Amino acid sequence: MAWRDVMRSFGVYTPDAGEARALPAGETRSLEDPRMSLSTASSEELLAFFGISQSGAKLPPVTIDSALEVPAVFGIVNFLSSTMASLPLHAHSDTAKIDGELAMLLNEAPNPDWTSFDWRKYIWTGFLTGGRGLSWIERAGKVGSKVLAIWPMNPAETVILRKNGRKIYRYEGRDYPAEDVIDLPFLLKPDGLGSYGPVWKARKAIALALAMADFAGNFFSSGGLPPLALQGPLPSGPDAMRRAGSDIQRTIDLAKKSGSPFFGMPPGHELKPIGIEPAKGQMVEARAFQILEIARTWGMPPAFVQDLSNGTFSNTEQQDLQLVKHKVLHLARQLEDELNLKLFGQRRRSRKVKHNLDGLQRGDFKTRMDALGRAIQTAQITPNEARALEEREPLPKGDDLLVQGATVPLGQQPLKPATNSTV
């Protein structure tokens, strides 16, 4: 059965090429759920979307809320969203920083209801879970005019479609052109409208982590006893079997309650565990491996999901650099490019938005002071620029570039005065 037939069988109208003529001229619709594109989804994804599974394994269903119950997922989303929200975000011209209302919107409060940190953490959380972070820009007039505020949008309630070839965002009964929407997709789908979300794509790894947590919880909540089978001469008849089972269970409960290390069994009977024990199933190793599987989805170094099983002082420090170079830098560039396009337009020439990553690359105090001192002595930065990096007030005469007096161009060394010597 084709996926369109599956959709119709559930009462969901999905127009094909012929039916699309019933839509307004020039408009195409996207009926997809924000977590999954109906146009590119596999049959397994469609069946899972409607709560139907063809697989024999009964893993727990995965949603964004249930995925955040996995400590590794929650830790990654919370850490990355907080890190990106805390980075200074500056607007620059060719000559200097842009002060005023735009700087206030980006670094203090994008609107009267949200702080800059909360707004950016909200859109990054949507990006890192469902695969989309959205905000719309309130302007004083048409596109390109003064920006008054930036408002976050709920990706789960936003429909993205094309109208006359242009991308439109439909949210709360209003259509926003792409020029007025800050859009951060985790990974765009081939249609350019939908996006792949990391939670959905890692759903099997996350479901396995949930299943192991459930198994561990059930095992330890039962006192560490696996399911047991009673072997020996058994009474005949279902009622007699139930009474015997109740008697055995009552005996076990009384032994637990009294703290007794043993309890009596009827002559010729014994209890044997059913199933596999957690240790034999390598549950600890499997749960540790799922942390790495989940970390791979978001591109996180193991140290930042608190996995230090193979950590040393040196490789943990290198993972810190790896996080900045190969994760935070990419995310920062994505938001910078999107803000530059939507705030200043396609043909901006002199203005741009840029994160300051210096705070993430700070070393220990001694290393930082040595580096700043070296930069001042070699005329790379002024003393006041170095003080600004340490959030200290500027000093008079601190805006001049300095260089050590012993450093001069080759061939211009001062000549030593000639001296007369006698032998």
Protein backbone atom coordinates (compact mmCIF):
# COMPACT_ATOMS: atom_id res chain seq x y z
CA MET A 1 0.00 0.00 0.00
CA ALA A 2 1.37 3.41 -0.95
CA TRP A 3 1.91 5.90 1.85
CA ARG A 4 -0.78 8.19 0.41
CA ASP A 5 -3.28 5.31 0.77
CA VAL A 6 -2.11 4.81 4.34
CA MET A 7 -2.69 8.49 5.07
CA ARG A 8 -6.18 8.41 3.51
CA SER A 9 -7.07 5.29 5.53
CA PHE A 10 -6.47 7.35 8.67
CA GLY A 11 -8.58 10.23 7.40
CA VAL A 12 -5.67 12.52 6.57
CA TYR A 13 -6.02 14.33 3.24
CA THR A 14 -2.79 14.37 1.31
CA PRO A 15 -3.10 15.86 -2.20
CA ASP A 16 -1.22 14.22 -5.03
CA ALA A 17 -0.13 15.95 -8.24
CA GLY A 18 -3.65 15.92 -9.70
CA GLU A 19 -5.38 16.99 -6.52
CA ALA A 20 -2.94 19.87 -5.99
CA ARG A 21 -4.87 21.85 -8.59
CA ALA A 22 -7.56 22.42 -5.99
CA LEU A 23 -5.16 24.62 -3.99
CA PRO A 24 -4.90 28.37 -4.59
CA ALA A 25 -2.77 29.24 -7.58
CA GLY A 26 0.93 29.20 -6.83
CA GLU A 27 0.56 27.67 -3.36
CA THR A 28 1.88 24.31 -2.21
CA ARG A 29 1.25 22.94 1.23
CA SER A 30 3.37 21.00 3.67
CA LEU A 31 1.13 18.75 5.79
CA GLU A 32 4.06 17.29 7.64
CA ASP A 33 4.42 17.06 11.36
CA PRO A 34 7.44 19.19 12.41
CA ARG A 35 9.17 15.97 13.53
CA MET A 36 8.68 14.10 10.25
CA SER A 37 8.20 14.89 6.56
CA LEU A 38 5.31 12.94 5.02
CA SER A 39 6.83 13.37 1.58
CA THR A 40 10.13 11.69 2.42
CA ALA A 41 9.22 9.44 5.36
CA SER A 42 9.66 5.70 5.12
CA SER A 43 6.78 3.27 5.67
CA GLU A 44 8.25 2.41 9.09
CA GLU A 45 8.25 6.09 10.10
CA LEU A 46 4.66 6.59 8.94
CA LEU A 47 3.41 3.54 10.82
CA ALA A 48 5.31 4.58 13.93
CA PHE A 49 3.82 8.08 13.61
CA PHE A 50 0.33 6.59 13.91
CA GLY A 51 1.34 4.24 16.73
CA ILE A 52 1.67 1.13 14.56
CA SER A 53 4.86 -0.91 14.57
CA GLN A 54 5.85 -3.69 12.22
CA SER A 55 8.87 -4.74 14.25
CA GLY A 56 8.78 -7.51 16.80
CA ALA A 57 10.76 -5.57 19.38
CA LYS A 58 8.59 -3.54 21.71
CA LEU A 59 10.84 -0.62 22.56
CA PRO A 60 9.34 2.34 24.42
CA PRO A 61 7.88 5.08 22.17
CA VAL A 62 10.15 8.10 21.81
CA THR A 63 8.94 11.70 21.89
CA ILE A 64 10.87 14.84 22.73
CA ASP A 65 9.56 14.73 26.30
CA SER A 66 10.44 11.06 26.80
CA ALA A 67 13.86 11.54 25.15
CA LEU A 68 14.69 14.28 27.67
CA GLU A 69 14.20 11.70 30.43
CA VAL A 70 17.45 10.08 29.25
CA PRO A 71 20.19 11.86 31.24
CA ALA A 72 22.60 11.94 28.27
CA VAL A 73 20.01 13.60 26.01
CA PHE A 74 18.92 16.10 28.65
CA GLY A 75 22.54 16.92 29.49
CA ILE A 76 23.50 17.53 25.85
CA VAL A 77 20.46 19.69 25.07
CA ASN A 78 20.74 21.71 28.27
CA PHE A 79 24.51 22.17 27.99
CA LEU A 80 24.63 23.18 24.32
CA SER A 81 21.57 25.45 24.46
CA SER A 82 22.90 27.21 27.59
CA THR A 83 26.37 27.55 26.08
CA MET A 84 25.07 29.10 22.85
CA ALA A 85 22.70 31.39 24.78
CA SER A 86 25.48 32.70 27.03
CA LEU A 87 27.88 33.72 24.24
CA PRO A 88 28.17 37.49 23.72
CA LEU A 89 26.51 38.42 20.42
CA HIS A 90 27.72 41.70 18.94
CA ALA A 91 26.65 43.76 15.93
CA HIS A 92 29.56 45.33 14.03
CA SER A 93 30.09 47.81 11.25
CA ASP A 94 33.27 48.06 9.19
CA THR A 95 34.80 50.38 11.74
CA ALA A 96 33.34 49.60 15.17
CA LYS A 97 30.63 47.89 17.16
CA ILE A 98 27.06 49.00 16.57
CA ASP A 99 25.56 50.35 19.78
CA GLY A 100 21.96 51.19 20.50
CA GLU A 101 18.71 49.30 20.13
CA LEU A 102 19.99 46.45 17.95
CA ALA A 103 22.74 45.61 20.43
CA MET A 104 20.13 45.72 23.19
CA LEU A 105 17.83 43.33 21.30
CA LEU A 106 20.59 40.82 20.71
CA ASN A 107 22.32 40.89 24.10
CA GLU A 108 19.72 42.05 26.61
CA ALA A 109 16.06 41.65 25.64
CA PRO A 110 14.70 40.84 22.15
CA ASN A 111 11.18 41.81 23.27
CA PRO A 112 9.42 42.98 26.47
CA ASP A 113 8.71 39.39 27.61
CA TRP A 114 11.99 37.54 27.02
CA THR A 115 15.60 38.04 28.02
CA SER A 116 18.24 37.43 25.39
CA PHE A 117 19.46 34.32 27.22
CA ASP A 118 15.97 32.80 27.48
CA TRP A 119 15.14 33.58 23.84
CA ARG A 120 18.32 32.07 22.48
CA LYS A 121 18.13 29.04 24.78
CA TYR A 122 14.53 28.46 23.61
CA ILE A 123 15.39 28.45 19.90
CA TRP A 124 18.49 26.31 20.44
CA THR A 125 16.45 23.82 22.50
CA GLY A 126 14.00 23.48 19.60
CA PHE A 127 16.95 23.09 17.23
CA LEU A 128 18.59 20.38 19.35
CA THR A 129 15.40 18.34 19.91
CA GLY A 130 12.87 18.63 17.11
CA GLY A 131 15.38 19.99 14.61
CA ARG A 132 14.09 23.57 14.25
CA GLY A 133 14.55 26.91 16.00
CA LEU A 134 12.27 29.73 14.82
CA SER A 135 11.66 33.41 15.62
CA TRP A 136 9.86 36.19 13.75
CA ILE A 137 11.10 39.75 13.42
CA GLU A 138 8.81 42.67 14.25
CA ARG A 139 9.71 45.69 12.13
CA ALA A 140 8.62 49.32 12.01
CA GLY A 141 7.52 48.89 8.39
CA LYS A 142 8.43 46.81 5.37
CA VAL A 143 11.30 44.35 5.12
CA GLY A 144 14.60 46.08 5.77
CA SER A 145 13.16 48.73 8.07
CA LYS A 146 14.04 49.20 11.73
CA VAL A 147 13.81 46.10 13.91
CA LEU A 148 11.52 46.62 16.91
CA ALA A 149 11.54 43.15 18.50
CA ILE A 150 12.27 39.47 17.92
CA TRP A 151 9.66 36.91 19.01
CA PRO A 152 10.18 33.13 19.37
CA MET A 153 7.89 30.73 17.50
CA ASN A 154 6.83 27.22 18.51
CA PRO A 155 8.11 24.93 15.71
CA ALA A 156 5.45 22.31 16.51
CA GLU A 157 2.73 24.86 15.67
CA THR A 158 4.40 26.33 12.59
CA VAL A 159 3.57 25.17 9.06
CA ILE A 160 6.22 25.85 6.39
CA LEU A 161 5.03 26.00 2.79
CA ARG A 162 5.77 27.61 -0.56
CA LYS A 163 3.57 30.25 -2.14
CA ASN A 164 4.45 31.41 -5.65
CA GLY A 165 7.86 29.85 -5.17
CA ARG A 166 8.61 31.76 -1.95
CA LYS A 167 8.90 30.20 1.49
CA ILE A 168 6.11 31.12 3.92
CA TYR A 169 5.85 30.41 7.66
CA ARG A 170 2.26 30.04 8.89
CA TYR A 171 2.02 30.58 12.64
CA GLU A 172 -0.97 31.43 14.85
CA GLY A 173 -3.14 32.24 11.85
CA ARG A 174 -0.66 34.59 10.21
CA ASP A 175 1.74 34.17 7.29
CA TYR A 176 5.31 35.42 7.68
CA PRO A 177 7.65 35.77 4.68
CA ALA A 178 11.05 34.10 4.98
CA GLU A 179 12.69 37.54 5.21
CA ASP A 180 11.00 38.08 8.58
CA VAL A 181 11.71 34.67 10.13
CA ILE A 182 14.96 33.58 11.79
CA ASP A 183 15.10 29.88 10.90
CA LEU A 184 17.68 27.42 12.27
CA PRO A 185 17.18 23.92 10.78
CA PHE A 186 19.25 21.07 12.23
CA LEU A 187 19.49 19.36 8.83
CA LEU A 188 17.32 20.37 5.87
CA LYS A 189 15.38 17.76 3.93
CA PRO A 190 15.56 17.59 0.11
CA ASP A 191 12.39 19.70 -0.27
CA GLY A 192 14.06 22.62 1.52
CA LEU A 193 11.08 22.95 3.86
CA GLY A 194 11.25 20.14 6.41
CA SER A 195 14.20 19.33 8.63
CA TYR A 196 15.57 16.21 10.29
CA GLY A 197 15.43 16.31 14.09
CA PRO A 198 18.16 14.62 16.15
CA VAL A 199 15.69 13.11 18.62
CA TRP A 200 13.74 11.43 15.82
CA LYS A 201 16.81 10.20 14.00
CA ALA A 202 18.32 8.80 17.21
CA ARG A 203 15.00 7.39 18.41
CA LYS A 204 16.16 3.75 18.43
CA ALA A 205 19.27 4.50 20.48
CA ILE A 206 17.16 6.63 22.83
CA ALA A 207 14.45 3.94 23.05
CA LEU A 208 17.08 1.37 23.96
CA ALA A 209 18.37 3.64 26.72
CA LEU A 210 14.81 4.06 28.01
CA ALA A 211 14.20 0.29 27.88
CA MET A 212 17.36 -0.44 29.87
CA ALA A 213 16.40 2.20 32.45
CA ASP A 214 12.95 0.61 32.76
CA PHE A 215 14.49 -2.85 33.12
CA ALA A 216 16.88 -1.65 35.81
CA GLY A 217 14.05 0.09 37.63
CA ASN A 218 11.84 -3.00 37.58
CA PHE A 219 14.71 -5.24 38.69
CA PHE A 220 15.70 -3.16 41.69
CA SER A 221 12.13 -2.25 42.68
CA SER A 222 11.48 -6.01 43.04
CA GLY A 223 14.29 -6.26 45.56
CA GLY A 224 16.84 -7.42 43.02
CA LEU A 225 14.95 -10.67 42.40
CA PRO A 226 14.36 -11.76 38.80
CA PRO A 227 11.11 -13.58 37.90
CA LEU A 228 11.14 -17.00 39.56
CA ALA A 229 9.73 -20.40 38.62
CA LEU A 230 8.63 -22.92 41.25
CA GLN A 231 9.79 -26.46 40.51
CA GLY A 232 8.70 -29.67 42.28
CA PRO A 233 5.49 -31.60 42.94
CA LEU A 234 2.78 -29.12 42.05
CA PRO A 235 -0.92 -29.22 42.96
CA SER A 236 -3.38 -29.99 40.23
CA GLY A 237 -5.92 -27.51 39.00
CA PRO A 238 -5.67 -23.77 38.35
CA ASP A 239 -7.12 -22.76 41.74
CA ALA A 240 -4.67 -24.92 43.64
CA MET A 241 -1.79 -23.49 41.56
CA ARG A 242 -2.87 -19.95 42.38
CA ARG A 243 -3.08 -20.74 46.10
CA ALA A 244 0.38 -22.31 46.02
CA GLY A 245 1.82 -19.29 44.22
CA SER A 246 0.19 -16.93 46.73
CA ASP A 247 1.63 -18.92 49.62
CA ILE A 248 5.14 -18.75 48.16
CA GLN A 249 4.83 -15.01 47.48
CA ARG A 250 3.57 -14.40 51.01
CA THR A 251 6.53 -16.34 52.39
CA ILE A 252 9.00 -14.26 50.32
CA ASP A 253 7.36 -10.96 51.41
CA LEU A 254 7.47 -11.98 55.07
CA ALA A 255 11.16 -12.88 54.74
CA LYS A 256 11.90 -9.45 53.21
CA LYS A 257 9.89 -7.67 55.89
CA SER A 258 11.58 -9.48 58.76
CA GLY A 259 15.03 -9.14 57.27
CA SER A 260 15.52 -12.87 57.37
CA PRO A 261 18.21 -14.17 55.00
CA PHE A 262 16.20 -17.31 54.16
CA PHE A 263 12.70 -18.70 54.08
CA GLY A 264 11.34 -22.22 54.10
CA MET A 265 10.24 -24.10 51.00
CA PRO A 266 7.88 -27.07 50.79
CA PRO A 267 9.76 -30.42 50.65
CA GLY A 268 10.93 -31.27 47.14
CA HIS A 269 10.43 -27.72 45.80
CA GLU A 270 12.90 -25.06 44.61
CA LEU A 271 12.82 -21.63 43.01
CA LYS A 272 14.80 -20.96 39.84
CA PRO A 273 15.22 -17.56 38.13
CA ILE A 274 13.70 -17.00 34.71
CA GLY A 275 15.37 -14.80 32.14
CA ILE A 276 18.83 -13.28 32.15
CA GLU A 277 20.47 -11.40 34.99
CA PRO A 278 21.56 -7.78 34.36
CA ALA A 279 25.25 -8.64 34.83
CA LYS A 280 25.07 -11.48 32.31
CA GLY A 281 23.28 -9.19 29.89
CA GLN A 282 26.15 -6.66 30.29
CA MET A 283 23.63 -3.97 31.23
CA VAL A 284 26.23 -1.64 32.73
CA GLU A 285 28.40 -1.85 29.60
CA ALA A 286 25.37 -1.47 27.32
CA ARG A 287 24.14 1.61 29.17
CA ALA A 288 27.62 3.16 28.97
CA PHE A 289 27.74 2.45 25.22
CA GLN A 290 24.35 4.13 24.72
CA ILE A 291 25.81 7.33 26.14
CA LEU A 292 28.39 7.32 23.33
CA GLU A 293 25.74 6.45 20.73
CA ILE A 294 23.62 9.40 21.81
CA ALA A 295 26.64 11.72 21.98
CA ARG A 296 27.50 10.85 18.37
CA THR A 297 24.12 12.11 17.19
CA TRP A 298 24.81 15.61 18.53
CA GLY A 299 28.57 15.50 17.84
CA MET A 300 29.47 15.90 21.52
CA PRO A 301 32.88 14.87 22.93
CA PRO A 302 32.44 12.15 25.62
CA ALA A 303 33.78 14.36 28.41
CA PHE A 304 30.81 16.71 27.98
CA VAL A 305 28.29 13.94 28.60
CA GLN A 306 30.20 13.11 31.80
CA ASP A 307 31.79 9.98 30.30
CA LEU A 308 35.32 9.99 31.68
CA SER A 309 35.88 6.24 31.42
CA ASN A 310 38.76 6.87 29.01
CA GLY A 311 39.47 10.43 30.10
CA THR A 312 42.88 11.77 31.03
CA PHE A 313 44.00 15.30 31.84
CA SER A 314 45.44 15.85 28.37
CA ASN A 315 42.71 14.31 26.21
CA THR A 316 39.95 16.00 28.24
CA GLU A 317 41.60 19.36 27.55
CA GLN A 318 41.73 18.47 23.85
CA GLN A 319 38.03 17.60 23.92
CA ASP A 320 37.41 21.11 25.26
CA LEU A 321 39.12 22.53 22.17
CA GLN A 322 37.28 20.03 19.97
CA LEU A 323 33.93 21.21 21.33
CA VAL A 324 34.68 24.84 20.45
CA LYS A 325 36.28 24.16 17.04
CA HIS A 326 33.97 21.45 15.72
CA LYS A 327 30.63 22.12 17.42
CA VAL A 328 30.14 25.53 19.00
CA LEU A 329 31.85 27.32 16.10
CA HIS A 330 29.52 25.65 13.57
CA LEU A 331 26.40 26.52 15.56
CA ALA A 332 27.58 30.09 16.08
CA ARG A 333 28.25 30.51 12.35
CA GLN A 334 24.77 29.20 11.49
CA LEU A 335 23.04 31.75 13.73
CA GLU A 336 25.36 34.56 12.61
CA ASP A 337 24.64 33.96 8.92
CA GLU A 338 20.90 33.75 9.55
CA LEU A 339 20.85 36.96 11.59
CA ASN A 340 23.02 38.78 9.05
CA LEU A 341 20.67 37.79 6.23
CA LYS A 342 17.41 38.55 8.03
CA LEU A 343 18.47 41.70 9.92
CA PHE A 344 20.60 43.43 7.29
CA GLY A 345 19.48 41.89 3.98
CA GLN A 346 21.12 39.92 1.21
CA ARG A 347 23.37 42.72 -0.03
CA ARG A 348 24.63 44.05 3.27
CA ARG A 349 28.05 45.59 2.93
CA SER A 350 29.23 47.02 6.20
CA ARG A 351 27.20 45.44 9.01
CA LYS A 352 27.34 41.99 10.55
CA VAL A 353 26.52 40.02 13.70
CA LYS A 354 29.22 37.91 15.33
CA HIS A 355 29.63 35.84 18.50
CA ASN A 356 32.59 36.35 20.79
CA LEU A 357 34.10 32.92 21.50
CA ASP A 358 37.03 34.22 23.56
CA GLY A 359 35.30 33.28 26.80
CA LEU A 360 35.14 29.61 25.78
CA GLN A 361 38.81 29.57 24.80
CA ARG A 362 40.15 31.08 28.02
CA GLY A 363 42.90 29.11 29.70
CA ASP A 364 43.89 29.14 33.35
CA PHE A 365 44.83 32.50 34.92
CA LYS A 366 48.59 32.20 34.45
CA THR A 367 48.33 31.06 30.82
CA ARG A 368 45.83 33.84 30.07
CA MET A 369 48.02 36.55 31.60
CA ASP A 370 51.12 35.29 29.78
CA ALA A 371 49.23 35.29 26.46
CA LEU A 372 47.84 38.80 26.97
CA GLY A 373 51.25 40.11 28.03
CA ARG A 374 52.84 38.61 24.94
CA ALA A 375 50.14 40.12 22.70
CA ILE A 376 50.70 43.59 24.22
CA GLN A 377 54.49 43.42 23.91
CA THR A 378 54.27 42.44 20.25
CA ALA A 379 51.81 45.25 19.37
CA GLN A 380 48.95 42.89 18.54
CA ILE A 381 46.52 44.46 21.03
CA THR A 382 46.55 47.56 23.21
CA PRO A 383 46.59 47.41 27.01
CA ASN A 384 42.98 48.60 27.11
CA GLU A 385 41.92 45.89 24.67
CA ALA A 386 43.53 43.32 26.96
CA ARG A 387 41.75 44.84 29.96
CA ALA A 388 38.44 44.67 28.10
CA LEU A 389 38.92 40.92 27.56
CA GLU A 390 39.20 40.62 31.34
CA GLU A 391 36.18 42.93 31.83
CA ARG A 392 38.26 45.67 33.44
CA GLU A 393 37.89 49.42 33.03
CA PRO A 394 40.15 51.16 30.45
CA LEU A 395 43.06 53.30 31.64
CA PRO A 396 44.33 56.65 30.31
CA LYS A 397 46.98 56.24 27.62
CA GLY A 398 46.07 52.59 27.32
CA ASP A 399 44.99 52.76 23.68
CA ASP A 400 48.48 52.90 22.17
CA LEU A 401 50.16 49.87 20.65
CA LEU A 402 53.38 49.00 22.45
CA VAL A 403 56.48 47.08 21.46
CA GLN A 404 59.63 46.15 23.31
CA GLY A 405 62.45 48.64 22.71
CA ALA A 406 64.94 45.89 21.98
CA THR A 407 62.96 44.79 18.95
CA VAL A 408 64.02 46.82 15.88
CA PRO A 409 64.24 46.12 12.12
CA LEU A 410 67.28 44.16 11.01
CA GLY A 411 70.15 46.48 9.99
CA GLN A 412 69.03 49.34 12.21
CA GLN A 413 70.77 48.27 15.40
CA PRO A 414 72.48 51.18 17.16
CA LEU A 415 76.25 51.25 16.51
CA LYS A 416 78.55 50.90 19.48
CA PRO A 417 81.03 53.80 19.89
CA ALA A 418 84.55 52.99 18.68
CA THR A 419 87.14 52.46 21.42
CA ASN A 420 90.93 52.77 21.29
CA SER A 421 92.86 49.85 22.60
CA THR A 422 96.55 49.33 23.03
CA VAL A 423 98.38 46.09 23.10
